[in-house]
Amino acid sequence: LRPIKLYKGVPCPLKDKNPEDINFYVVRENTE
């Protein structure tokens, strides 16, 4: 489980998005 979040003051490639707008997780399998 990898949480995705934006940090205040860090440039974001998503236009007009704030840290409060982004709230999701990436679920991936760790097969190395």
C-alpha atoms as a PDB file:
ATOM      1  CA  LEU A   1       0.000   0.000   0.000  1.00  0.00           C
ATOM      2  CA  ARG A   2       1.537   3.284  -1.095  1.00  0.00           C
ATOM      3  CA  PRO A   3      -0.188   6.483   0.032  1.00  0.00           C
ATOM      4  CA  ILE A   4      -0.248   9.349  -2.453  1.00  0.00           C
ATOM      5  CA  LYS A   5      -0.259  12.887  -1.119  1.00  0.00           C
ATOM      6  CA  LEU A   6       0.723  16.397  -2.087  1.00  0.00           C
ATOM      7  CA  TYR A   7       2.899  18.585   0.101  1.00  0.00           C
ATOM      8  CA  LYS A   8       2.310  22.293   0.619  1.00  0.00           C
ATOM      9  CA  GLY A   9       4.923  24.432  -1.087  1.00  0.00           C
ATOM     10  CA  VAL A  10       6.062  21.680  -3.464  1.00  0.00           C
ATOM     11  CA  PRO A  11       5.239  22.238  -7.162  1.00  0.00           C
ATOM     12  CA  CYS A  12       2.610  19.860  -8.526  1.00  0.00           C
ATOM     13  CA  PRO A  13       2.007  18.917 -12.189  1.00  0.00           C
ATOM     14  CA  LEU A  14      -1.751  18.780 -11.529  1.00  0.00           C
ATOM     15  CA  LYS A  15      -3.323  22.159 -12.252  1.00  0.00           C
ATOM     16  CA  ASP A  16      -5.305  23.847  -9.462  1.00  0.00           C
ATOM     17  CA  LYS A  17      -5.010  20.949  -7.001  1.00  0.00           C
ATOM     18  CA  ASN A  18      -4.302  21.352  -3.292  1.00  0.00           C
ATOM     19  CA  PRO A  19      -3.118  18.739  -0.776  1.00  0.00           C
ATOM     20  CA  GLU A  20      -6.733  18.456   0.440  1.00  0.00           C
ATOM     21  CA  ASP A  21      -7.889  17.476  -3.084  1.00  0.00           C
ATOM     22  CA  ILE A  22      -5.678  14.394  -3.448  1.00  0.00           C
ATOM     23  CA  ASN A  23      -6.419  11.341  -1.278  1.00  0.00           C
ATOM     24  CA  PHE A  24      -5.758   7.896  -2.716  1.00  0.00           C
ATOM     25  CA  TYR A  25      -3.575   4.808  -2.339  1.00  0.00           C
ATOM     26  CA  VAL A  26      -1.767   2.653  -4.860  1.00  0.00           C
ATOM     27  CA  VAL A  27      -1.950  -1.068  -4.188  1.00  0.00           C
ATOM     28  CA  ARG A  28       0.819  -3.028  -5.828  1.00  0.00           C
ATOM     29  CA  GLU A  29       2.413  -6.399  -5.459  1.00  0.00           C
ATOM     30  CA  ASN A  30       6.052  -6.548  -4.426  1.00  0.00           C
ATOM     31  CA  THR A  31       7.509  -9.262  -6.650  1.00  0.00           C
ATOM     32  CA  GLU A  32      11.224  -8.812  -7.116  1.00  0.00           C
END
